[in-house]
C-alpha cells in the first residue's frame, strides 16, 4: 500500500457518514503556513474520487486516494511555478 505524500493531510468536508467531501491540505490543517491544495468528492464507484484543484482548472476522476493527491500536488506545483 502506498502512503500519501509527506506533508499532505485530508479533513472531512461534511458530516455525512461516510464522508462525501474532503479538503486536502499541504501542511497541518488550519496551521499557519498551510495551504488548501484542493478538494475531493467520493464517487459511487468504489475507490474513485473527483479531485478539484483549489486554484482553479479542470477536475479529474481518479481511482485511488493517493493517486488523486499526487495529481493535486502536480497541479499545485505547476500553478505555483507559473508567474
N, C-alpha and C. Protein backbone atom coordinates (compact mmCIF):
# COMPACT_ATOMS: atom_id res chain seq x y z
N UNK A 1 0.84 -1.17 0.00
CA UNK A 1 0.00 0.00 0.00
C UNK A 1 0.89 1.25 0.00
N UNK A 2 0.62 2.17 -0.91
CA UNK A 2 1.37 3.42 -0.99
C UNK A 2 0.88 4.40 0.06
N UNK A 3 1.79 5.20 0.57
CA UNK A 3 1.42 6.22 1.55
C UNK A 3 1.20 7.56 0.86
N UNK A 4 0.37 8.39 1.46
CA UNK A 4 0.12 9.73 0.95
C UNK A 4 1.43 10.52 1.07
N UNK A 5 1.75 11.38 0.09
CA UNK A 5 2.98 12.16 0.15
C UNK A 5 3.12 12.92 1.47
N UNK A 6 4.36 13.05 1.93
CA UNK A 6 4.64 13.76 3.18
C UNK A 6 4.08 15.17 3.15
N UNK A 7 3.54 15.58 4.27
CA UNK A 7 3.05 16.93 4.41
C UNK A 7 1.63 17.16 3.93
N UNK A 8 0.98 16.12 3.39
CA UNK A 8 -0.40 16.29 2.94
C UNK A 8 -1.35 15.64 3.93
N UNK A 9 -2.45 16.28 4.15
CA UNK A 9 -3.46 15.79 5.07
C UNK A 9 -4.84 16.02 4.47
N UNK A 10 -5.79 15.25 4.93
CA UNK A 10 -7.16 15.49 4.50
C UNK A 10 -8.04 15.74 5.72
N UNK A 11 -9.08 16.50 5.47
CA UNK A 11 -10.02 16.86 6.52
C UNK A 11 -11.43 16.63 5.96
N UNK A 12 -12.29 16.11 6.77
CA UNK A 12 -13.67 15.91 6.33
C UNK A 12 -14.30 17.25 5.94
N UNK A 13 -15.01 17.24 4.83
CA UNK A 13 -15.65 18.46 4.38
C UNK A 13 -17.14 18.48 4.66
N UNK A 14 -17.67 17.39 5.22
CA UNK A 14 -19.09 17.34 5.57
C UNK A 14 -19.27 16.40 6.76
N UNK A 15 -20.48 16.30 7.23
CA UNK A 15 -20.75 15.48 8.41
C UNK A 15 -21.38 14.14 8.08
N UNK A 16 -21.47 13.82 6.77
CA UNK A 16 -22.07 12.55 6.37
C UNK A 16 -21.18 11.39 6.81
N UNK A 17 -21.79 10.23 6.96
CA UNK A 17 -21.05 9.01 7.29
C UNK A 17 -21.37 7.95 6.26
N UNK A 18 -20.44 7.51 5.46
CA UNK A 18 -19.08 8.01 5.35
C UNK A 18 -19.06 9.38 4.68
N UNK A 19 -17.99 10.12 4.90
CA UNK A 19 -17.88 11.47 4.34
C UNK A 19 -17.92 11.42 2.82
N UNK A 20 -18.52 12.43 2.22
CA UNK A 20 -18.59 12.52 0.77
C UNK A 20 -17.54 13.51 0.24
N UNK A 21 -17.27 14.56 1.00
CA UNK A 21 -16.31 15.60 0.60
C UNK A 21 -15.13 15.62 1.55
N UNK A 22 -13.94 15.88 0.98
CA UNK A 22 -12.72 16.03 1.77
C UNK A 22 -11.98 17.29 1.31
N UNK A 23 -11.29 17.93 2.23
CA UNK A 23 -10.43 19.07 1.94
C UNK A 23 -9.00 18.56 2.07
N UNK A 24 -8.17 18.83 1.05
CA UNK A 24 -6.80 18.33 1.05
C UNK A 24 -5.86 19.50 1.33
N UNK A 25 -5.04 19.35 2.36
CA UNK A 25 -4.13 20.39 2.82
C UNK A 25 -2.69 20.00 2.52
N UNK A 26 -1.88 21.00 2.22
CA UNK A 26 -0.43 20.84 2.19
C UNK A 26 0.06 21.47 3.48
N UNK A 27 0.43 20.65 4.42
CA UNK A 27 0.76 21.09 5.77
C UNK A 27 -0.34 20.63 6.73
N UNK A 28 -0.20 21.00 7.98
CA UNK A 28 -1.16 20.62 9.01
C UNK A 28 -2.43 21.47 8.85
N UNK A 29 -3.60 20.84 8.83
CA UNK A 29 -4.84 21.62 8.64
C UNK A 29 -4.96 22.78 9.63
N UNK A 30 -5.29 23.95 9.10
CA UNK A 30 -5.55 25.17 9.84
C UNK A 30 -4.32 25.76 10.53
N UNK A 31 -3.14 25.22 10.28
CA UNK A 31 -1.91 25.77 10.87
C UNK A 31 -1.40 26.92 10.02
N UNK A 32 -0.66 27.80 10.63
CA UNK A 32 -0.09 28.93 9.90
C UNK A 32 0.86 28.41 8.83
N UNK A 33 0.72 28.92 7.63
CA UNK A 33 1.57 28.49 6.52
C UNK A 33 1.03 27.32 5.73
N UNK A 34 -0.01 26.66 6.23
CA UNK A 34 -0.62 25.54 5.50
C UNK A 34 -1.52 26.07 4.40
N UNK A 35 -1.66 25.30 3.34
CA UNK A 35 -2.42 25.73 2.16
C UNK A 35 -3.38 24.62 1.75
N UNK A 36 -4.60 25.00 1.38
CA UNK A 36 -5.54 24.04 0.80
C UNK A 36 -5.16 23.90 -0.67
N UNK A 37 -4.84 22.67 -1.10
CA UNK A 37 -4.46 22.46 -2.50
C UNK A 37 -5.63 21.95 -3.33
N UNK A 38 -6.68 21.48 -2.67
CA UNK A 38 -7.83 21.01 -3.42
C UNK A 38 -8.86 20.33 -2.55
N UNK A 39 -9.86 19.80 -3.22
CA UNK A 39 -10.95 19.09 -2.55
C UNK A 39 -11.24 17.82 -3.34
N UNK A 40 -11.84 16.87 -2.67
CA UNK A 40 -12.23 15.66 -3.38
C UNK A 40 -13.65 15.27 -2.97
N UNK A 41 -14.31 14.64 -3.89
CA UNK A 41 -15.67 14.15 -3.65
C UNK A 41 -15.67 12.65 -3.95
N UNK A 42 -16.13 11.89 -2.99
CA UNK A 42 -16.22 10.43 -3.17
C UNK A 42 -17.30 10.14 -4.20
N UNK A 43 -16.97 9.32 -5.18
CA UNK A 43 -17.92 8.94 -6.21
C UNK A 43 -18.55 7.59 -5.86
N UNK A 44 -19.61 7.24 -6.53
CA UNK A 44 -20.30 5.98 -6.22
C UNK A 44 -19.49 4.76 -6.58
N UNK A 45 -18.61 4.91 -7.60
CA UNK A 45 -17.74 3.79 -7.95
C UNK A 45 -16.73 3.58 -6.84
N UNK A 46 -16.52 2.36 -6.46
CA UNK A 46 -15.62 2.06 -5.36
C UNK A 46 -14.21 2.57 -5.64
N UNK A 47 -13.63 3.24 -4.66
CA UNK A 47 -12.27 3.77 -4.68
C UNK A 47 -12.05 4.93 -5.64
N UNK A 48 -13.08 5.50 -6.21
CA UNK A 48 -12.93 6.63 -7.13
C UNK A 48 -13.32 7.93 -6.43
N UNK A 49 -12.59 8.98 -6.75
CA UNK A 49 -12.86 10.32 -6.24
C UNK A 49 -12.78 11.29 -7.40
N UNK A 50 -13.49 12.39 -7.31
CA UNK A 50 -13.32 13.50 -8.25
C UNK A 50 -12.54 14.57 -7.50
N UNK A 51 -11.38 14.94 -8.05
CA UNK A 51 -10.50 15.90 -7.41
C UNK A 51 -10.63 17.26 -8.07
N UNK A 52 -10.69 18.31 -7.25
CA UNK A 52 -10.86 19.69 -7.70
C UNK A 52 -9.69 20.52 -7.20
N UNK A 53 -8.82 21.02 -8.10
CA UNK A 53 -7.73 21.88 -7.65
C UNK A 53 -8.28 23.18 -7.06
N UNK A 54 -7.69 23.65 -5.98
CA UNK A 54 -8.18 24.85 -5.29
C UNK A 54 -7.95 26.11 -6.12
N UNK A 55 -6.90 26.12 -6.92
CA UNK A 55 -6.58 27.31 -7.69
C UNK A 55 -7.25 27.33 -9.05
N UNK A 56 -8.25 26.52 -9.24
CA UNK A 56 -8.98 26.50 -10.50
C UNK A 56 -8.45 25.45 -11.45
N UNK A 57 -9.11 25.31 -12.56
CA UNK A 57 -8.72 24.30 -13.53
C UNK A 57 -9.74 23.17 -13.55
N UNK A 58 -9.52 22.25 -14.46
CA UNK A 58 -10.45 21.14 -14.64
C UNK A 58 -10.33 20.13 -13.50
N UNK A 59 -11.47 19.56 -13.15
CA UNK A 59 -11.46 18.48 -12.16
C UNK A 59 -11.11 17.18 -12.87
N UNK A 60 -10.81 16.16 -12.10
CA UNK A 60 -10.44 14.89 -12.69
C UNK A 60 -10.95 13.74 -11.83
N UNK A 61 -11.50 12.72 -12.48
CA UNK A 61 -11.92 11.50 -11.78
C UNK A 61 -10.71 10.56 -11.73
N UNK A 62 -10.32 10.17 -10.52
CA UNK A 62 -9.11 9.37 -10.35
C UNK A 62 -9.41 8.22 -9.41
N UNK A 63 -8.92 7.05 -9.77
CA UNK A 63 -9.09 5.88 -8.91
C UNK A 63 -7.95 5.87 -7.90
N UNK A 64 -8.30 5.81 -6.64
CA UNK A 64 -7.30 5.74 -5.59
C UNK A 64 -7.00 7.09 -4.97
N UNK A 65 -7.04 7.12 -3.66
CA UNK A 65 -6.83 8.35 -2.92
C UNK A 65 -5.43 8.91 -3.13
N UNK A 66 -4.41 8.06 -3.05
CA UNK A 66 -3.02 8.51 -3.19
C UNK A 66 -2.76 9.03 -4.60
N UNK A 67 -3.30 8.37 -5.61
CA UNK A 67 -3.14 8.83 -6.99
C UNK A 67 -3.74 10.23 -7.14
N UNK A 68 -4.88 10.47 -6.52
CA UNK A 68 -5.52 11.77 -6.60
C UNK A 68 -4.73 12.86 -5.91
N UNK A 69 -4.17 12.56 -4.74
CA UNK A 69 -3.36 13.55 -4.03
C UNK A 69 -2.10 13.86 -4.83
N UNK A 70 -1.48 12.84 -5.44
CA UNK A 70 -0.32 13.07 -6.30
C UNK A 70 -0.69 14.01 -7.45
N UNK A 71 -1.85 13.80 -8.06
CA UNK A 71 -2.31 14.65 -9.16
C UNK A 71 -2.52 16.09 -8.69
N UNK A 72 -3.15 16.25 -7.51
CA UNK A 72 -3.36 17.60 -6.98
C UNK A 72 -2.03 18.31 -6.71
N UNK A 73 -1.05 17.59 -6.17
CA UNK A 73 0.25 18.19 -5.91
C UNK A 73 0.92 18.64 -7.21
N UNK A 74 0.79 17.85 -8.27
CA UNK A 74 1.35 18.26 -9.57
C UNK A 74 0.64 19.51 -10.09
N UNK A 75 -0.67 19.57 -9.93
CA UNK A 75 -1.42 20.75 -10.34
C UNK A 75 -0.98 21.97 -9.54
N UNK A 76 -0.82 21.81 -8.24
CA UNK A 76 -0.42 22.91 -7.37
C UNK A 76 0.99 23.39 -7.70
N UNK A 77 1.93 22.46 -7.88
CA UNK A 77 3.31 22.83 -8.21
C UNK A 77 3.38 23.54 -9.56
N UNK A 78 2.60 23.10 -10.52
CA UNK A 78 2.57 23.73 -11.84
C UNK A 78 2.07 25.16 -11.77
N UNK A 79 1.06 25.41 -10.99
CA UNK A 79 0.49 26.76 -10.86
C UNK A 79 1.43 27.67 -10.07
N UNK A 80 2.09 27.10 -9.06
CA UNK A 80 2.97 27.88 -8.22
C UNK A 80 4.22 28.34 -9.01
N UNK A 81 4.67 27.52 -9.96
CA UNK A 81 5.84 27.86 -10.76
C UNK A 81 5.54 28.88 -11.84
N UNK A 82 4.27 29.05 -12.21
CA UNK A 82 3.88 29.98 -13.26
C UNK A 82 3.85 31.40 -12.72
N UNK A 83 4.49 32.37 -13.40
CA UNK A 83 4.49 33.75 -12.88
C UNK A 83 3.13 34.39 -12.93
